[in-house]
Amino acid sequence: MTKQSIFGRMSQLVRANVNAMLDRAEDPEKMLDQMVRDFTDNIREAEEAVAQTIGNLRMMEDDYKEDLDTARSWGQKALAASRKADDFRSENNDENAAKFDNLAKVAIQRQLDAENSAKNAEPTIQSQREIVERLRTGLEQMKTKRQQLISKRDELVARSKAAHAQSQVHDAVKSIDVMDPTSEVGRFEEKIRREEARVRGQNELAASSLDAQFESLEDLGEQAEIEARLAALKSGSSSPAEIGSGSNSGTGVTEEDFAALESEKRQT
């Protein structure tokens, strides 16, 4: 039981996969075109069969007509032989009269055979006529269905193409949703804003560095002034009074200032 169940499931799986592959491989337009071609071929074969049946009917009708003509002809011959026999009998020529009566009988027998042949053919001919009529009706119905199939094929192909176009549009819209251009613009804008911020930072850093350089230059100038004055004091080329006056009077340094500085040095 287990083995059969496994084989059954495997068979079902194979059929499912095959059907899925066929569904994917089926092209509605090609399949419908093939259906139209097959139906057209069936109609062509049916037309040949109907034509053959009609041909057989016409042969039977020709044979029937020939039997009727033959019966009519033998009837006329029988009448002619009978009249001839009557003429010989009126002349008391019994021998010839009997001879022509026998010919009349033969003609009548041939007439009966032809009539019986025609009579026997009548049911067959009638049946064949009904068959031909049904075949013709069926053939016309097949042609009507073929025209309906062609119309339906055109409709289904148009719907299939419209659905395919809508699917392509949907896929395109979906791809646009995935790759949203506005998000890309936003990303580029954010990148540019960061670049601008970096440049501002560089500018600020450069400006602060330049201010520091100028401040260091001012500090260096002041230190140089101090060193120059100290050197002058040590060399005796100037006195505290001179430092506070003359060309350097702009500094505002007096003897009291030097005394205060000396006091601060001692305290420290």
C-alpha atoms as a PDB file:
ATOM      1  CA  MET A   1       0.000   0.000   0.000  1.00  0.00           C
ATOM      2  CA  THR A   2       2.820   2.397   0.879  1.00  0.00           C
ATOM      3  CA  LYS A   3       4.662   1.621  -2.345  1.00  0.00           C
ATOM      4  CA  GLN A   4       1.511   2.207  -4.399  1.00  0.00           C
ATOM      5  CA  SER A   5       0.891   5.465  -2.543  1.00  0.00           C
ATOM      6  CA  ILE A   6       4.420   6.671  -3.257  1.00  0.00           C
ATOM      7  CA  PHE A   7       4.149   5.731  -6.934  1.00  0.00           C
ATOM      8  CA  GLY A   8       0.754   7.414  -7.121  1.00  0.00           C
ATOM      9  CA  ARG A   9       2.101  10.614  -5.611  1.00  0.00           C
ATOM     10  CA  MET A  10       5.114  10.544  -7.939  1.00  0.00           C
ATOM     11  CA  SER A  11       2.851  10.048 -10.946  1.00  0.00           C
ATOM     12  CA  GLN A  12       0.630  12.907  -9.810  1.00  0.00           C
ATOM     13  CA  LEU A  13       3.678  15.123  -9.288  1.00  0.00           C
ATOM     14  CA  VAL A  14       5.003  14.303 -12.766  1.00  0.00           C
ATOM     15  CA  ARG A  15       1.611  15.080 -14.331  1.00  0.00           C
ATOM     16  CA  ALA A  16       1.393  18.329 -12.384  1.00  0.00           C
ATOM     17  CA  ASN A  17       4.851  19.397 -13.530  1.00  0.00           C
ATOM     18  CA  VAL A  18       4.135  18.437 -17.131  1.00  0.00           C
ATOM     19  CA  ASN A  19       0.829  20.319 -17.067  1.00  0.00           C
ATOM     20  CA  ALA A  20       2.560  23.351 -15.555  1.00  0.00           C
ATOM     21  CA  MET A  21       5.196  23.257 -18.295  1.00  0.00           C
ATOM     22  CA  LEU A  22       2.497  22.973 -20.947  1.00  0.00           C
ATOM     23  CA  ASP A  23       0.586  25.887 -19.430  1.00  0.00           C
ATOM     24  CA  ARG A  24       3.720  28.033 -19.543  1.00  0.00           C
ATOM     25  CA  ALA A  25       4.518  26.928 -23.097  1.00  0.00           C
ATOM     26  CA  GLU A  26       1.006  27.557 -24.429  1.00  0.00           C
ATOM     27  CA  ASP A  27       0.650  30.667 -26.536  1.00  0.00           C
ATOM     28  CA  PRO A  28      -3.067  31.561 -26.764  1.00  0.00           C
ATOM     29  CA  GLU A  29      -2.704  33.090 -30.225  1.00  0.00           C
ATOM     30  CA  LYS A  30      -0.810  30.098 -31.633  1.00  0.00           C
ATOM     31  CA  MET A  31      -3.164  27.606 -29.976  1.00  0.00           C
ATOM     32  CA  LEU A  32      -6.240  29.393 -31.338  1.00  0.00           C
ATOM     33  CA  ASP A  33      -4.694  29.585 -34.816  1.00  0.00           C
ATOM     34  CA  GLN A  34      -4.056  25.842 -34.655  1.00  0.00           C
ATOM     35  CA  MET A  35      -7.662  25.256 -33.579  1.00  0.00           C
ATOM     36  CA  VAL A  36      -8.876  27.265 -36.591  1.00  0.00           C
ATOM     37  CA  ARG A  37      -6.580  25.283 -38.897  1.00  0.00           C
ATOM     38  CA  ASP A  38      -7.759  21.961 -37.440  1.00  0.00           C
ATOM     39  CA  PHE A  39     -11.404  22.976 -37.758  1.00  0.00           C
ATOM     40  CA  THR A  40     -10.795  24.129 -41.328  1.00  0.00           C
ATOM     41  CA  ASP A  41      -9.212  20.758 -42.133  1.00  0.00           C
ATOM     42  CA  ASN A  42     -12.198  18.974 -40.582  1.00  0.00           C
ATOM     43  CA  ILE A  43     -14.555  21.039 -42.719  1.00  0.00           C
ATOM     44  CA  ARG A  44     -12.521  20.202 -45.822  1.00  0.00           C
ATOM     45  CA  GLU A  45     -12.705  16.488 -45.000  1.00  0.00           C
ATOM     46  CA  ALA A  46     -16.431  16.793 -44.295  1.00  0.00           C
ATOM     47  CA  GLU A  47     -16.948  18.569 -47.620  1.00  0.00           C
ATOM     48  CA  GLU A  48     -15.178  15.727 -49.407  1.00  0.00           C
ATOM     49  CA  ALA A  49     -17.322  13.161 -47.589  1.00  0.00           C
ATOM     50  CA  VAL A  50     -20.518  15.077 -48.357  1.00  0.00           C
ATOM     51  CA  ALA A  51     -19.464  15.480 -51.985  1.00  0.00           C
ATOM     52  CA  GLN A  52     -18.827  11.734 -52.226  1.00  0.00           C
ATOM     53  CA  THR A  53     -22.208  10.980 -50.640  1.00  0.00           C
ATOM     54  CA  ILE A  54     -23.945  13.365 -53.021  1.00  0.00           C
ATOM     55  CA  GLY A  55     -22.107  11.731 -55.905  1.00  0.00           C
ATOM     56  CA  ASN A  56     -23.335   8.305 -54.817  1.00  0.00           C
ATOM     57  CA  LEU A  57     -26.871   9.675 -54.542  1.00  0.00           C
ATOM     58  CA  ARG A  58     -26.708  11.133 -58.021  1.00  0.00           C
ATOM     59  CA  MET A  59     -25.512   7.757 -59.378  1.00  0.00           C
ATOM     60  CA  MET A  60     -28.455   5.983 -57.707  1.00  0.00           C
ATOM     61  CA  GLU A  61     -30.825   8.630 -59.071  1.00  0.00           C
ATOM     62  CA  ASP A  62     -29.354   8.148 -62.543  1.00  0.00           C
ATOM     63  CA  ASP A  63     -29.787   4.369 -62.214  1.00  0.00           C
ATOM     64  CA  TYR A  64     -33.349   4.884 -60.991  1.00  0.00           C
ATOM     65  CA  LYS A  65     -34.113   7.152 -63.918  1.00  0.00           C
ATOM     66  CA  GLU A  66     -32.540   4.655 -66.284  1.00  0.00           C
ATOM     67  CA  ASP A  67     -34.681   1.859 -64.833  1.00  0.00           C
ATOM     68  CA  LEU A  68     -37.795   3.964 -65.345  1.00  0.00           C
ATOM     69  CA  ASP A  69     -36.768   4.755 -68.913  1.00  0.00           C
ATOM     70  CA  THR A  70     -36.025   1.091 -69.509  1.00  0.00           C
ATOM     71  CA  ALA A  71     -39.393   0.047 -68.089  1.00  0.00           C
ATOM     72  CA  ARG A  72     -41.125   2.616 -70.270  1.00  0.00           C
ATOM     73  CA  SER A  73     -39.214   1.435 -73.328  1.00  0.00           C
ATOM     74  CA  TRP A  74     -40.074  -2.238 -72.729  1.00  0.00           C
ATOM     75  CA  GLY A  75     -43.652  -1.258 -72.149  1.00  0.00           C
ATOM     76  CA  GLN A  76     -43.762   0.435 -75.543  1.00  0.00           C
ATOM     77  CA  LYS A  77     -42.110  -2.620 -77.117  1.00  0.00           C
ATOM     78  CA  ALA A  78     -44.604  -4.917 -75.441  1.00  0.00           C
ATOM     79  CA  LEU A  79     -47.469  -2.762 -76.753  1.00  0.00           C
ATOM     80  CA  ALA A  80     -46.004  -2.778 -80.260  1.00  0.00           C
ATOM     81  CA  ALA A  81     -45.527  -6.577 -80.199  1.00  0.00           C
ATOM     82  CA  SER A  82     -49.055  -7.099 -78.887  1.00  0.00           C
ATOM     83  CA  ARG A  83     -50.549  -4.915 -81.633  1.00  0.00           C
ATOM     84  CA  LYS A  84     -48.512  -6.756 -84.230  1.00  0.00           C
ATOM     85  CA  ALA A  85     -49.778 -10.057 -82.855  1.00  0.00           C
ATOM     86  CA  ASP A  86     -53.352  -8.716 -83.055  1.00  0.00           C
ATOM     87  CA  ASP A  87     -52.782  -7.725 -86.670  1.00  0.00           C
ATOM     88  CA  PHE A  88     -51.516 -11.228 -87.561  1.00  0.00           C
ATOM     89  CA  ARG A  89     -54.420 -12.768 -85.651  1.00  0.00           C
ATOM     90  CA  SER A  90     -56.890 -10.650 -87.619  1.00  0.00           C
ATOM     91  CA  GLU A  91     -55.285 -12.071 -90.731  1.00  0.00           C
ATOM     92  CA  ASN A  92     -55.723 -15.574 -89.306  1.00  0.00           C
ATOM     93  CA  ASN A  93     -51.966 -15.889 -89.086  1.00  0.00           C
ATOM     94  CA  ASP A  94     -51.945 -17.568 -85.732  1.00  0.00           C
ATOM     95  CA  GLU A  95     -48.294 -18.615 -85.913  1.00  0.00           C
ATOM     96  CA  ASN A  96     -46.962 -15.063 -86.263  1.00  0.00           C
ATOM     97  CA  ALA A  97     -49.554 -13.821 -83.848  1.00  0.00           C
ATOM     98  CA  ALA A  98     -48.299 -16.258 -81.215  1.00  0.00           C
ATOM     99  CA  LYS A  99     -44.749 -15.305 -82.025  1.00  0.00           C
ATOM    100  CA  PHE A 100     -45.393 -11.603 -81.422  1.00  0.00           C
ATOM    101  CA  ASP A 101     -47.445 -12.354 -78.313  1.00  0.00           C
ATOM    102  CA  ASN A 102     -44.404 -14.165 -76.925  1.00  0.00           C
ATOM    103  CA  LEU A 103     -42.256 -11.129 -77.787  1.00  0.00           C
ATOM    104  CA  ALA A 104     -44.777  -8.944 -76.009  1.00  0.00           C
ATOM    105  CA  LYS A 105     -44.526 -11.192 -72.974  1.00  0.00           C
ATOM    106  CA  VAL A 106     -40.724 -10.957 -72.980  1.00  0.00           C
ATOM    107  CA  ALA A 107     -40.929  -7.187 -73.218  1.00  0.00           C
ATOM    108  CA  ILE A 108     -43.438  -7.095 -70.375  1.00  0.00           C
ATOM    109  CA  GLN A 109     -41.102  -9.260 -68.268  1.00  0.00           C
ATOM    110  CA  ARG A 110     -38.211  -6.863 -68.969  1.00  0.00           C
ATOM    111  CA  GLN A 111     -40.530  -3.971 -68.100  1.00  0.00           C
ATOM    112  CA  LEU A 112     -41.403  -5.595 -64.773  1.00  0.00           C
ATOM    113  CA  ASP A 113     -37.733  -6.205 -63.987  1.00  0.00           C
ATOM    114  CA  ALA A 114     -36.864  -2.567 -64.643  1.00  0.00           C
ATOM    115  CA  GLU A 115     -39.848  -1.365 -62.617  1.00  0.00           C
ATOM    116  CA  ASN A 116     -38.914  -3.661 -59.717  1.00  0.00           C
ATOM    117  CA  SER A 117     -35.311  -2.418 -59.832  1.00  0.00           C
ATOM    118  CA  ALA A 118     -36.509   1.179 -59.714  1.00  0.00           C
ATOM    119  CA  LYS A 119     -38.982   0.397 -56.963  1.00  0.00           C
ATOM    120  CA  ASN A 120     -36.336  -1.323 -54.858  1.00  0.00           C
ATOM    121  CA  ALA A 121     -34.000   1.663 -55.293  1.00  0.00           C
ATOM    122  CA  GLU A 122     -36.573   4.184 -54.098  1.00  0.00           C
ATOM    123  CA  PRO A 123     -36.105   3.590 -50.279  1.00  0.00           C
ATOM    124  CA  THR A 124     -32.344   3.656 -50.625  1.00  0.00           C
ATOM    125  CA  ILE A 125     -32.481   6.836 -52.649  1.00  0.00           C
ATOM    126  CA  GLN A 126     -34.836   8.453 -50.142  1.00  0.00           C
ATOM    127  CA  SER A 127     -32.601   7.439 -47.251  1.00  0.00           C
ATOM    128  CA  GLN A 128     -29.551   8.722 -49.090  1.00  0.00           C
ATOM    129  CA  ARG A 129     -31.301  12.018 -49.749  1.00  0.00           C
ATOM    130  CA  GLU A 130     -32.019  12.409 -46.037  1.00  0.00           C
ATOM    131  CA  ILE A 131     -28.400  11.601 -45.198  1.00  0.00           C
ATOM    132  CA  VAL A 132     -27.161  14.161 -47.708  1.00  0.00           C
ATOM    133  CA  GLU A 133     -29.503  16.769 -46.282  1.00  0.00           C
ATOM    134  CA  ARG A 134     -28.275  16.087 -42.751  1.00  0.00           C
ATOM    135  CA  LEU A 135     -24.669  16.190 -43.923  1.00  0.00           C
ATOM    136  CA  ARG A 136     -25.269  19.480 -45.670  1.00  0.00           C
ATOM    137  CA  THR A 137     -26.891  20.909 -42.554  1.00  0.00           C
ATOM    138  CA  GLY A 138     -24.022  19.658 -40.413  1.00  0.00           C
ATOM    139  CA  LEU A 139     -21.522  21.096 -42.867  1.00  0.00           C
ATOM    140  CA  GLU A 140     -23.204  24.492 -42.759  1.00  0.00           C
ATOM    141  CA  GLN A 141     -23.214  24.330 -38.967  1.00  0.00           C
ATOM    142  CA  MET A 142     -19.502  23.513 -39.010  1.00  0.00           C
ATOM    143  CA  LYS A 143     -18.860  26.499 -41.264  1.00  0.00           C
ATOM    144  CA  THR A 144     -20.902  28.708 -38.945  1.00  0.00           C
ATOM    145  CA  LYS A 145     -18.975  27.418 -35.946  1.00  0.00           C
ATOM    146  CA  ARG A 146     -15.718  28.014 -37.789  1.00  0.00           C
ATOM    147  CA  GLN A 147     -16.718  31.619 -38.401  1.00  0.00           C
ATOM    148  CA  GLN A 148     -17.670  31.932 -34.728  1.00  0.00           C
ATOM    149  CA  LEU A 149     -14.323  30.405 -33.766  1.00  0.00           C
ATOM    150  CA  ILE A 150     -12.489  32.909 -35.967  1.00  0.00           C
ATOM    151  CA  SER A 151     -14.429  35.783 -34.388  1.00  0.00           C
ATOM    152  CA  LYS A 152     -13.802  34.384 -30.920  1.00  0.00           C
ATOM    153  CA  ARG A 153     -10.142  33.866 -31.818  1.00  0.00           C
ATOM    154  CA  ASP A 154      -9.821  37.519 -32.848  1.00  0.00           C
ATOM    155  CA  GLU A 155     -11.510  38.609 -29.621  1.00  0.00           C
ATOM    156  CA  LEU A 156      -9.363  36.377 -27.413  1.00  0.00           C
ATOM    157  CA  VAL A 157      -6.150  37.367 -29.201  1.00  0.00           C
ATOM    158  CA  ALA A 158      -7.037  41.036 -28.753  1.00  0.00           C
ATOM    159  CA  ARG A 159      -7.775  40.434 -25.067  1.00  0.00           C
ATOM    160  CA  SER A 160      -4.544  38.476 -24.683  1.00  0.00           C
ATOM    161  CA  LYS A 161      -2.527  41.264 -26.277  1.00  0.00           C
ATOM    162  CA  ALA A 162      -4.276  43.847 -24.107  1.00  0.00           C
ATOM    163  CA  ALA A 163      -3.566  41.780 -20.995  1.00  0.00           C
ATOM    164  CA  HIS A 164       0.061  41.379 -22.061  1.00  0.00           C
ATOM    165  CA  ALA A 165       0.368  45.126 -22.630  1.00  0.00           C
ATOM    166  CA  GLN A 166      -1.197  45.820 -19.230  1.00  0.00           C
ATOM    167  CA  SER A 167       1.220  43.350 -17.669  1.00  0.00           C
ATOM    168  CA  GLN A 168       4.148  45.137 -19.297  1.00  0.00           C
ATOM    169  CA  VAL A 169       2.847  48.482 -18.040  1.00  0.00           C
ATOM    170  CA  HIS A 170       2.387  46.987 -14.583  1.00  0.00           C
ATOM    171  CA  ASP A 171       5.929  45.615 -14.613  1.00  0.00           C
ATOM    172  CA  ALA A 172       7.236  48.987 -15.780  1.00  0.00           C
ATOM    173  CA  VAL A 173       5.321  50.797 -13.047  1.00  0.00           C
ATOM    174  CA  LYS A 174       6.510  48.238 -10.535  1.00  0.00           C
ATOM    175  CA  SER A 175      10.121  48.749 -11.610  1.00  0.00           C
ATOM    176  CA  ILE A 176       9.617  52.509 -11.310  1.00  0.00           C
ATOM    177  CA  ASP A 177       8.240  52.004  -7.816  1.00  0.00           C
ATOM    178  CA  VAL A 178      11.270  49.945  -6.901  1.00  0.00           C
ATOM    179  CA  MET A 179      13.671  52.501  -8.444  1.00  0.00           C
ATOM    180  CA  ASP A 180      11.763  55.617  -7.376  1.00  0.00           C
ATOM    181  CA  PRO A 181      13.415  58.592  -9.080  1.00  0.00           C
ATOM    182  CA  THR A 182      12.310  60.916  -6.290  1.00  0.00           C
ATOM    183  CA  SER A 183      14.229  58.818  -3.805  1.00  0.00           C
ATOM    184  CA  GLU A 184      17.271  59.027  -6.063  1.00  0.00           C
ATOM    185  CA  VAL A 185      16.911  62.827  -6.218  1.00  0.00           C
ATOM    186  CA  GLY A 186      16.580  62.900  -2.465  1.00  0.00           C
ATOM    187  CA  ARG A 187      19.701  60.816  -2.105  1.00  0.00           C
ATOM    188  CA  PHE A 188      21.653  63.120  -4.415  1.00  0.00           C
ATOM    189  CA  GLU A 189      20.313  66.156  -2.555  1.00  0.00           C
ATOM    190  CA  GLU A 190      21.427  64.699   0.757  1.00  0.00           C
ATOM    191  CA  LYS A 191      24.859  63.980  -0.737  1.00  0.00           C
ATOM    192  CA  ILE A 192      25.162  67.560  -1.986  1.00  0.00           C
ATOM    193  CA  ARG A 193      24.060  68.925   1.410  1.00  0.00           C
ATOM    194  CA  ARG A 194      26.756  66.902   3.099  1.00  0.00           C
ATOM    195  CA  GLU A 195      29.326  68.164   0.597  1.00  0.00           C
ATOM    196  CA  GLU A 196      28.217  71.735   1.249  1.00  0.00           C
ATOM    197  CA  ALA A 197      28.449  71.174   5.004  1.00  0.00           C
ATOM    198  CA  ARG A 198      31.941  69.750   4.578  1.00  0.00           C
ATOM    199  CA  VAL A 199      33.000  72.806   2.585  1.00  0.00           C
ATOM    200  CA  ARG A 200      31.558  75.116   5.273  1.00  0.00           C
ATOM    201  CA  GLY A 201      33.458  73.188   7.885  1.00  0.00           C
ATOM    202  CA  GLN A 202      36.644  73.518   5.885  1.00  0.00           C
ATOM    203  CA  ASN A 203      36.044  77.245   5.484  1.00  0.00           C
ATOM    204  CA  GLU A 204      35.418  77.691   9.191  1.00  0.00           C
ATOM    205  CA  LEU A 205      38.465  75.626  10.005  1.00  0.00           C
ATOM    206  CA  ALA A 206      40.566  77.669   7.593  1.00  0.00           C
ATOM    207  CA  ALA A 207      39.223  80.922   9.040  1.00  0.00           C
ATOM    208  CA  SER A 208      39.923  79.877  12.635  1.00  0.00           C
ATOM    209  CA  SER A 209      43.408  78.771  11.657  1.00  0.00           C
ATOM    210  CA  LEU A 210      44.038  82.163   9.978  1.00  0.00           C
ATOM    211  CA  ASP A 211      42.837  84.035  13.087  1.00  0.00           C
ATOM    212  CA  ALA A 212      45.116  81.920  15.212  1.00  0.00           C
ATOM    213  CA  GLN A 213      47.991  82.705  12.899  1.00  0.00           C
ATOM    214  CA  PHE A 214      47.328  86.451  13.173  1.00  0.00           C
ATOM    215  CA  GLU A 215      47.029  86.188  16.941  1.00  0.00           C
ATOM    216  CA  SER A 216      50.316  84.323  17.094  1.00  0.00           C
ATOM    217  CA  LEU A 217      51.860  87.023  14.957  1.00  0.00           C
ATOM    218  CA  GLU A 218      50.618  89.693  17.382  1.00  0.00           C
ATOM    219  CA  ASP A 219      51.976  87.696  20.312  1.00  0.00           C
ATOM    220  CA  LEU A 220      55.298  87.357  18.546  1.00  0.00           C
ATOM    221  CA  GLY A 221      55.435  91.115  17.902  1.00  0.00           C
ATOM    222  CA  GLU A 222      54.741  91.910  21.526  1.00  0.00           C
ATOM    223  CA  GLN A 223      57.306  89.372  22.718  1.00  0.00           C
ATOM    224  CA  ALA A 224      59.852  90.804  20.314  1.00  0.00           C
ATOM    225  CA  GLU A 225      59.230  94.273  21.750  1.00  0.00           C
ATOM    226  CA  ILE A 226      59.780  92.955  25.243  1.00  0.00           C
ATOM    227  CA  GLU A 227      62.966  91.192  24.281  1.00  0.00           C
ATOM    228  CA  ALA A 228      64.231  94.306  22.486  1.00  0.00           C
ATOM    229  CA  ARG A 229      63.609  96.514  25.499  1.00  0.00           C
ATOM    230  CA  LEU A 230      65.164  94.026  27.848  1.00  0.00           C
ATOM    231  CA  ALA A 231      68.232  93.900  25.679  1.00  0.00           C
ATOM    232  CA  ALA A 232      68.395  97.675  25.675  1.00  0.00           C
ATOM    233  CA  LEU A 233      68.220  97.773  29.451  1.00  0.00           C
ATOM    234  CA  LYS A 234      70.964  95.215  29.803  1.00  0.00           C
ATOM    235  CA  SER A 235      73.216  97.036  27.403  1.00  0.00           C
ATOM    236  CA  GLY A 236      72.714 100.312  29.262  1.00  0.00           C
ATOM    237  CA  SER A 237      71.707 102.060  26.119  1.00  0.00           C
ATOM    238  CA  SER A 238      68.431 103.088  27.675  1.00  0.00           C
ATOM    239  CA  SER A 239      67.012 103.695  31.096  1.00  0.00           C
ATOM    240  CA  PRO A 240      63.607 103.112  32.513  1.00  0.00           C
ATOM    241  CA  ALA A 241      62.841 106.774  32.010  1.00  0.00           C
ATOM    242  CA  GLU A 242      63.766 106.558  28.361  1.00  0.00           C
ATOM    243  CA  ILE A 243      61.668 103.470  27.893  1.00  0.00           C
ATOM    244  CA  GLY A 244      58.673 105.354  29.138  1.00  0.00           C
ATOM    245  CA  SER A 245      59.352 108.402  26.929  1.00  0.00           C
ATOM    246  CA  GLY A 246      60.564 109.386  23.486  1.00  0.00           C
ATOM    247  CA  SER A 247      59.876 107.136  20.569  1.00  0.00           C
ATOM    248  CA  ASN A 248      58.447 104.500  22.854  1.00  0.00           C
ATOM    249  CA  SER A 249      56.277 106.839  24.868  1.00  0.00           C
ATOM    250  CA  GLY A 250      53.299 105.502  23.089  1.00  0.00           C
ATOM    251  CA  THR A 251      53.506 102.423  25.249  1.00  0.00           C
ATOM    252  CA  GLY A 252      52.614 104.424  28.437  1.00  0.00           C
ATOM    253  CA  VAL A 253      55.208 102.626  30.619  1.00  0.00           C
ATOM    254  CA  THR A 254      56.470 104.715  33.620  1.00  0.00           C
ATOM    255  CA  GLU A 255      58.960 104.221  36.427  1.00  0.00           C
ATOM    256  CA  GLU A 256      56.076 103.430  38.752  1.00  0.00           C
ATOM    257  CA  ASP A 257      55.086 100.653  36.374  1.00  0.00           C
ATOM    258  CA  PHE A 258      58.586  99.144  36.530  1.00  0.00           C
ATOM    259  CA  ALA A 259      58.527  99.444  40.367  1.00  0.00           C
ATOM    260  CA  ALA A 260      55.192  97.596  40.406  1.00  0.00           C
ATOM    261  CA  LEU A 261      56.631  94.904  38.157  1.00  0.00           C
ATOM    262  CA  GLU A 262      59.631  94.448  40.431  1.00  0.00           C
ATOM    263  CA  SER A 263      57.305  94.122  43.433  1.00  0.00           C
ATOM    264  CA  GLU A 264      55.215  91.441  41.629  1.00  0.00           C
ATOM    265  CA  LYS A 265      58.362  89.510  40.744  1.00  0.00           C
ATOM    266  CA  ARG A 266      59.514  89.520  44.396  1.00  0.00           C
ATOM    267  CA  GLN A 267      56.088  88.383  45.580  1.00  0.00           C
ATOM    268  CA  THR A 268      56.028  85.527  43.116  1.00  0.00           C
END
